[in-house]
Amino acid sequence: RGTYTCQVTWRASNNSMIAKEIMT
């Protein structure tokens, strides 16, 4: 039991990075 975080990073065509996360 606890708080779990899902974090994903993506690379865009211009090489910039995007990160998002959610907690459950």
PDB file of all heavy atoms in Angstrom:
ATOM      1  N   ARG A   1       0.839  -1.200   0.000  1.00  0.00           N
ATOM      2  CA  ARG A   1       0.000   0.000   0.000  1.00  0.00           C
ATOM      3  C   ARG A   1       0.874   1.251   0.000  1.00  0.00           C
ATOM      4  O   ARG A   1       1.980   1.271   0.556  1.00  0.00           O
ATOM      5  CB  ARG A   1      -0.970  -0.010   1.181  1.00  0.00           C
ATOM      6  CG  ARG A   1      -0.312   0.082   2.519  1.00  0.00           C
ATOM      7  CD  ARG A   1      -1.360   0.304   3.606  1.00  0.00           C
ATOM      8  NE  ARG A   1      -0.675   0.420   4.885  1.00  0.00           N
ATOM      9  CZ  ARG A   1      -0.848  -0.422   5.887  1.00  0.00           C
ATOM     10  NH1 ARG A   1      -1.669  -1.437   5.772  1.00  0.00           N
ATOM     11  NH2 ARG A   1      -0.185  -0.256   7.023  1.00  0.00           N
ATOM     12  N   GLY A   2       0.389   2.284  -0.672  1.00  0.00           N
ATOM     13  CA  GLY A   2       1.165   3.511  -0.772  1.00  0.00           C
ATOM     14  C   GLY A   2       0.676   4.333  -1.944  1.00  0.00           C
ATOM     15  O   GLY A   2      -0.386   4.077  -2.509  1.00  0.00           O
ATOM     16  N   THR A   3       1.456   5.351  -2.307  1.00  0.00           N
ATOM     17  CA  THR A   3       1.107   6.207  -3.431  1.00  0.00           C
ATOM     18  C   THR A   3       2.057   5.913  -4.595  1.00  0.00           C
ATOM     19  O   THR A   3       3.274   6.031  -4.454  1.00  0.00           O
ATOM     20  CB  THR A   3       1.197   7.695  -3.027  1.00  0.00           C
ATOM     21  OG1 THR A   3       0.313   7.904  -1.922  1.00  0.00           O
ATOM     22  CG2 THR A   3       0.767   8.588  -4.183  1.00  0.00           C
ATOM     23  N   TYR A   4       1.473   5.517  -5.710  1.00  0.00           N
ATOM     24  CA  TYR A   4       2.258   5.123  -6.879  1.00  0.00           C
ATOM     25  C   TYR A   4       2.207   6.240  -7.926  1.00  0.00           C
ATOM     26  O   TYR A   4       1.154   6.830  -8.168  1.00  0.00           O
ATOM     27  CB  TYR A   4       1.686   3.833  -7.485  1.00  0.00           C
ATOM     28  CG  TYR A   4       1.943   2.603  -6.633  1.00  0.00           C
ATOM     29  CD1 TYR A   4       1.259   2.402  -5.443  1.00  0.00           C
ATOM     30  CD2 TYR A   4       2.883   1.647  -7.027  1.00  0.00           C
ATOM     31  CE1 TYR A   4       1.494   1.288  -4.649  1.00  0.00           C
ATOM     32  CE2 TYR A   4       3.118   0.520  -6.248  1.00  0.00           C
ATOM     33  CZ  TYR A   4       2.422   0.347  -5.058  1.00  0.00           C
ATOM     34  OH  TYR A   4       2.668  -0.769  -4.287  1.00  0.00           O
ATOM     35  N   THR A   5       3.346   6.502  -8.545  1.00  0.00           N
ATOM     36  CA  THR A   5       3.427   7.533  -9.579  1.00  0.00           C
ATOM     37  C   THR A   5       3.844   6.912 -10.900  1.00  0.00           C
ATOM     38  O   THR A   5       4.814   6.150 -10.959  1.00  0.00           O
ATOM     39  CB  THR A   5       4.444   8.630  -9.183  1.00  0.00           C
ATOM     40  OG1 THR A   5       4.027   9.213  -7.947  1.00  0.00           O
ATOM     41  CG2 THR A   5       4.518   9.716 -10.254  1.00  0.00           C
ATOM     42  N   CYS A   6       3.081   7.238 -11.938  1.00  0.00           N
ATOM     43  CA  CYS A   6       3.403   6.819 -13.307  1.00  0.00           C
ATOM     44  C   CYS A   6       3.927   8.053 -14.025  1.00  0.00           C
ATOM     45  O   CYS A   6       3.211   9.048 -14.148  1.00  0.00           O
ATOM     46  CB  CYS A   6       2.125   6.302 -13.973  1.00  0.00           C
ATOM     47  SG  CYS A   6       2.248   6.043 -15.760  1.00  0.00           S
ATOM     48  N   GLN A   7       5.181   7.996 -14.470  1.00  0.00           N
ATOM     49  CA  GLN A   7       5.776   9.156 -15.153  1.00  0.00           C
ATOM     50  C   GLN A   7       6.292   8.742 -16.533  1.00  0.00           C
ATOM     51  O   GLN A   7       7.028   7.765 -16.661  1.00  0.00           O
ATOM     52  CB  GLN A   7       6.939   9.729 -14.340  1.00  0.00           C
ATOM     53  CG  GLN A   7       7.496  11.007 -14.956  1.00  0.00           C
ATOM     54  CD  GLN A   7       8.860  11.372 -14.404  1.00  0.00           C
ATOM     55  OE1 GLN A   7       9.783  10.567 -14.444  1.00  0.00           O
ATOM     56  NE2 GLN A   7       8.984  12.586 -13.890  1.00  0.00           N
ATOM     57  N   VAL A   8       5.847   9.474 -17.538  1.00  0.00           N
ATOM     58  CA  VAL A   8       6.261   9.177 -18.910  1.00  0.00           C
ATOM     59  C   VAL A   8       6.940  10.410 -19.494  1.00  0.00           C
ATOM     60  O   VAL A   8       6.496  11.535 -19.277  1.00  0.00           O
ATOM     61  CB  VAL A   8       5.042   8.799 -19.783  1.00  0.00           C
ATOM     62  CG1 VAL A   8       5.466   8.491 -21.222  1.00  0.00           C
ATOM     63  CG2 VAL A   8       4.303   7.590 -19.195  1.00  0.00           C
ATOM     64  N   THR A   9       8.040  10.189 -20.213  1.00  0.00           N
ATOM     65  CA  THR A   9       8.653  11.291 -20.973  1.00  0.00           C
ATOM     66  C   THR A   9       8.629  10.942 -22.449  1.00  0.00           C
ATOM     67  O   THR A   9       8.791   9.771 -22.831  1.00  0.00           O
ATOM     68  CB  THR A   9      10.110  11.570 -20.553  1.00  0.00           C
ATOM     69  OG1 THR A   9      10.879  10.382 -20.748  1.00  0.00           O
ATOM     70  CG2 THR A   9      10.200  12.002 -19.103  1.00  0.00           C
ATOM     71  N   TRP A  10       8.390  11.956 -23.268  1.00  0.00           N
ATOM     72  CA  TRP A  10       8.372  11.791 -24.717  1.00  0.00           C
ATOM     73  C   TRP A  10       9.377  12.747 -25.342  1.00  0.00           C
ATOM     74  O   TRP A  10       9.640  13.831 -24.811  1.00  0.00           O
ATOM     75  CB  TRP A  10       6.995  12.138 -25.300  1.00  0.00           C
ATOM     76  CG  TRP A  10       5.872  11.277 -24.847  1.00  0.00           C
ATOM     77  CD1 TRP A  10       5.412  10.139 -25.421  1.00  0.00           C
ATOM     78  CD2 TRP A  10       5.004  11.516 -23.720  1.00  0.00           C
ATOM     79  NE1 TRP A  10       4.323   9.649 -24.733  1.00  0.00           N
ATOM     80  CE2 TRP A  10       4.049  10.475 -23.682  1.00  0.00           C
ATOM     81  CE3 TRP A  10       4.949  12.521 -22.733  1.00  0.00           C
ATOM     82  CZ2 TRP A  10       3.060  10.393 -22.714  1.00  0.00           C
ATOM     83  CZ3 TRP A  10       3.965  12.434 -21.758  1.00  0.00           C
ATOM     84  CH2 TRP A  10       3.036  11.377 -21.756  1.00  0.00           C
ATOM     85  N   ARG A  11       9.915  12.345 -26.500  1.00  0.00           N
ATOM     86  CA  ARG A  11      10.776  13.232 -27.275  1.00  0.00           C
ATOM     87  C   ARG A  11       9.988  13.713 -28.497  1.00  0.00           C
ATOM     88  O   ARG A  11       9.391  12.908 -29.202  1.00  0.00           O
ATOM     89  CB  ARG A  11      12.050  12.509 -27.722  1.00  0.00           C
ATOM     90  CG  ARG A  11      13.047  13.414 -28.441  1.00  0.00           C
ATOM     91  CD  ARG A  11      14.271  12.618 -28.912  1.00  0.00           C
ATOM     92  NE  ARG A  11      15.065  12.133 -27.785  1.00  0.00           N
ATOM     93  CZ  ARG A  11      15.957  12.870 -27.118  1.00  0.00           C
ATOM     94  NH1 ARG A  11      16.139  14.146 -27.450  1.00  0.00           N
ATOM     95  NH2 ARG A  11      16.665  12.351 -26.138  1.00  0.00           N
ATOM     96  N   ALA A  12       9.982  15.036 -28.697  1.00  0.00           N
ATOM     97  CA  ALA A  12       9.279  15.607 -29.845  1.00  0.00           C
ATOM     98  C   ALA A  12      10.217  15.655 -31.046  1.00  0.00           C
ATOM     99  O   ALA A  12      11.430  15.489 -30.919  1.00  0.00           O
ATOM    100  CB  ALA A  12       8.772  17.005 -29.507  1.00  0.00           C
ATOM    101  N   SER A  13       9.644  15.923 -32.231  1.00  0.00           N
ATOM    102  CA  SER A  13      10.446  15.923 -33.457  1.00  0.00           C
ATOM    103  C   SER A  13      11.537  17.009 -33.418  1.00  0.00           C
ATOM    104  O   SER A  13      12.569  16.876 -34.062  1.00  0.00           O
ATOM    105  CB  SER A  13       9.548  16.105 -34.683  1.00  0.00           C
ATOM    106  OG  SER A  13       8.631  17.149 -34.446  1.00  0.00           O
ATOM    107  N   ASN A  14      11.342  18.052 -32.627  1.00  0.00           N
ATOM    108  CA  ASN A  14      12.379  19.096 -32.518  1.00  0.00           C
ATOM    109  C   ASN A  14      13.343  18.811 -31.367  1.00  0.00           C
ATOM    110  O   ASN A  14      14.064  19.704 -30.906  1.00  0.00           O
ATOM    111  CB  ASN A  14      11.722  20.472 -32.327  1.00  0.00           C
ATOM    112  CG  ASN A  14      10.935  20.543 -31.026  1.00  0.00           C
ATOM    113  OD1 ASN A  14      10.900  19.581 -30.255  1.00  0.00           O
ATOM    114  ND2 ASN A  14      10.299  21.679 -30.789  1.00  0.00           N
ATOM    115  N   ASN A  15      13.310  17.542 -30.882  1.00  0.00           N
ATOM    116  CA  ASN A  15      14.195  17.059 -29.818  1.00  0.00           C
ATOM    117  C   ASN A  15      13.893  17.599 -28.429  1.00  0.00           C
ATOM    118  O   ASN A  15      14.643  17.336 -27.489  1.00  0.00           O
ATOM    119  CB  ASN A  15      15.678  17.320 -30.147  1.00  0.00           C
ATOM    120  CG  ASN A  15      16.280  16.106 -30.826  1.00  0.00           C
ATOM    121  OD1 ASN A  15      15.683  15.036 -30.815  1.00  0.00           O
ATOM    122  ND2 ASN A  15      17.446  16.270 -31.423  1.00  0.00           N
ATOM    123  N   SER A  16      12.814  18.377 -28.277  1.00  0.00           N
ATOM    124  CA  SER A  16      12.459  18.807 -26.923  1.00  0.00           C
ATOM    125  C   SER A  16      11.783  17.640 -26.199  1.00  0.00           C
ATOM    126  O   SER A  16      11.274  16.717 -26.825  1.00  0.00           O
ATOM    127  CB  SER A  16      11.515  20.009 -26.979  1.00  0.00           C
ATOM    128  OG  SER A  16      10.301  19.622 -27.589  1.00  0.00           O
ATOM    129  N   MET A  17      11.814  17.689 -24.865  1.00  0.00           N
ATOM    130  CA  MET A  17      11.249  16.607 -24.063  1.00  0.00           C
ATOM    131  C   MET A  17       9.986  17.075 -23.351  1.00  0.00           C
ATOM    132  O   MET A  17       9.896  18.223 -22.916  1.00  0.00           O
ATOM    133  CB  MET A  17      12.258  16.131 -23.014  1.00  0.00           C
ATOM    134  CG  MET A  17      13.565  15.614 -23.605  1.00  0.00           C
ATOM    135  SD  MET A  17      13.358  14.094 -24.545  1.00  0.00           S
ATOM    136  CE  MET A  17      13.550  12.902 -23.250  1.00  0.00           C
ATOM    137  N   ILE A  18       9.032  16.175 -23.252  1.00  0.00           N
ATOM    138  CA  ILE A  18       7.796  16.453 -22.527  1.00  0.00           C
ATOM    139  C   ILE A  18       7.655  15.366 -21.467  1.00  0.00           C
ATOM    140  O   ILE A  18       7.898  14.188 -21.752  1.00  0.00           O
ATOM    141  CB  ILE A  18       6.576  16.400 -23.471  1.00  0.00           C
ATOM    142  CG1 ILE A  18       6.697  17.469 -24.557  1.00  0.00           C
ATOM    143  CG2 ILE A  18       5.272  16.553 -22.697  1.00  0.00           C
ATOM    144  CD1 ILE A  18       5.669  17.306 -25.651  1.00  0.00           C
ATOM    145  N   ALA A  19       7.276  15.760 -20.250  1.00  0.00           N
ATOM    146  CA  ALA A  19       7.082  14.774 -19.179  1.00  0.00           C
ATOM    147  C   ALA A  19       5.721  14.995 -18.532  1.00  0.00           C
ATOM    148  O   ALA A  19       5.286  16.126 -18.341  1.00  0.00           O
ATOM    149  CB  ALA A  19       8.182  14.883 -18.139  1.00  0.00           C
ATOM    150  N   LYS A  20       5.063  13.889 -18.220  1.00  0.00           N
ATOM    151  CA  LYS A  20       3.781  13.964 -17.517  1.00  0.00           C
ATOM    152  C   LYS A  20       3.779  12.880 -16.446  1.00  0.00           C
ATOM    153  O   LYS A  20       4.417  11.833 -16.612  1.00  0.00           O
ATOM    154  CB  LYS A  20       2.608  13.686 -18.481  1.00  0.00           C
ATOM    155  CG  LYS A  20       2.335  14.807 -19.474  1.00  0.00           C
ATOM    156  CD  LYS A  20       1.422  15.870 -18.884  1.00  0.00           C
ATOM    157  CE  LYS A  20       1.297  17.090 -19.779  1.00  0.00           C
ATOM    158  NZ  LYS A  20       0.355  16.914 -20.868  1.00  0.00           N
ATOM    159  N   GLU A  21       3.026  13.125 -15.367  1.00  0.00           N
ATOM    160  CA  GLU A  21       2.907  12.069 -14.371  1.00  0.00           C
ATOM    161  C   GLU A  21       1.528  12.110 -13.711  1.00  0.00           C
ATOM    162  O   GLU A  21       0.869  13.160 -13.685  1.00  0.00           O
ATOM    163  CB  GLU A  21       4.001  12.166 -13.310  1.00  0.00           C
ATOM    164  CG  GLU A  21       4.013  13.414 -12.483  1.00  0.00           C
ATOM    165  CD  GLU A  21       5.142  13.387 -11.443  1.00  0.00           C
ATOM    166  OE1 GLU A  21       6.278  13.024 -11.787  1.00  0.00           O
ATOM    167  OE2 GLU A  21       4.850  13.730 -10.285  1.00  0.00           O
ATOM    168  N   ILE A  22       1.082  10.958 -13.241  1.00  0.00           N
ATOM    169  CA  ILE A  22      -0.148  10.888 -12.452  1.00  0.00           C
ATOM    170  C   ILE A  22       0.131  10.024 -11.227  1.00  0.00           C
ATOM    171  O   ILE A  22       1.025   9.170 -11.237  1.00  0.00           O
ATOM    172  CB  ILE A  22      -1.350  10.299 -13.231  1.00  0.00           C
ATOM    173  CG1 ILE A  22      -1.023   8.903 -13.780  1.00  0.00           C
ATOM    174  CG2 ILE A  22      -1.816  11.232 -14.325  1.00  0.00           C
ATOM    175  CD1 ILE A  22      -2.265   8.161 -14.253  1.00  0.00           C
ATOM    176  N   MET A  23      -0.649  10.266 -10.176  1.00  0.00           N
ATOM    177  CA  MET A  23      -0.463   9.515  -8.932  1.00  0.00           C
ATOM    178  C   MET A  23      -1.722   8.730  -8.601  1.00  0.00           C
ATOM    179  O   MET A  23      -2.837   9.201  -8.819  1.00  0.00           O
ATOM    180  CB  MET A  23      -0.137  10.461  -7.789  1.00  0.00           C
ATOM    181  CG  MET A  23       1.232  11.094  -7.930  1.00  0.00           C
ATOM    182  SD  MET A  23       1.392  12.534  -6.877  1.00  0.00           S
ATOM    183  CE  MET A  23       2.376  11.842  -5.580  1.00  0.00           C
ATOM    184  N   THR A  24      -1.529   7.524  -8.086  1.00  0.00           N
ATOM    185  CA  THR A  24      -2.639   6.667  -7.680  1.00  0.00           C
ATOM    186  C   THR A  24      -2.352   6.129  -6.284  1.00  0.00           C
ATOM    187  O   THR A  24      -1.276   5.585  -6.034  1.00  0.00           O
ATOM    188  CB  THR A  24      -2.797   5.469  -8.643  1.00  0.00           C
ATOM    189  OG1 THR A  24      -2.998   5.965  -9.967  1.00  0.00           O
ATOM    190  CG2 THR A  24      -3.980   4.601  -8.249  1.00  0.00           C
TER     191      THR A  24
END
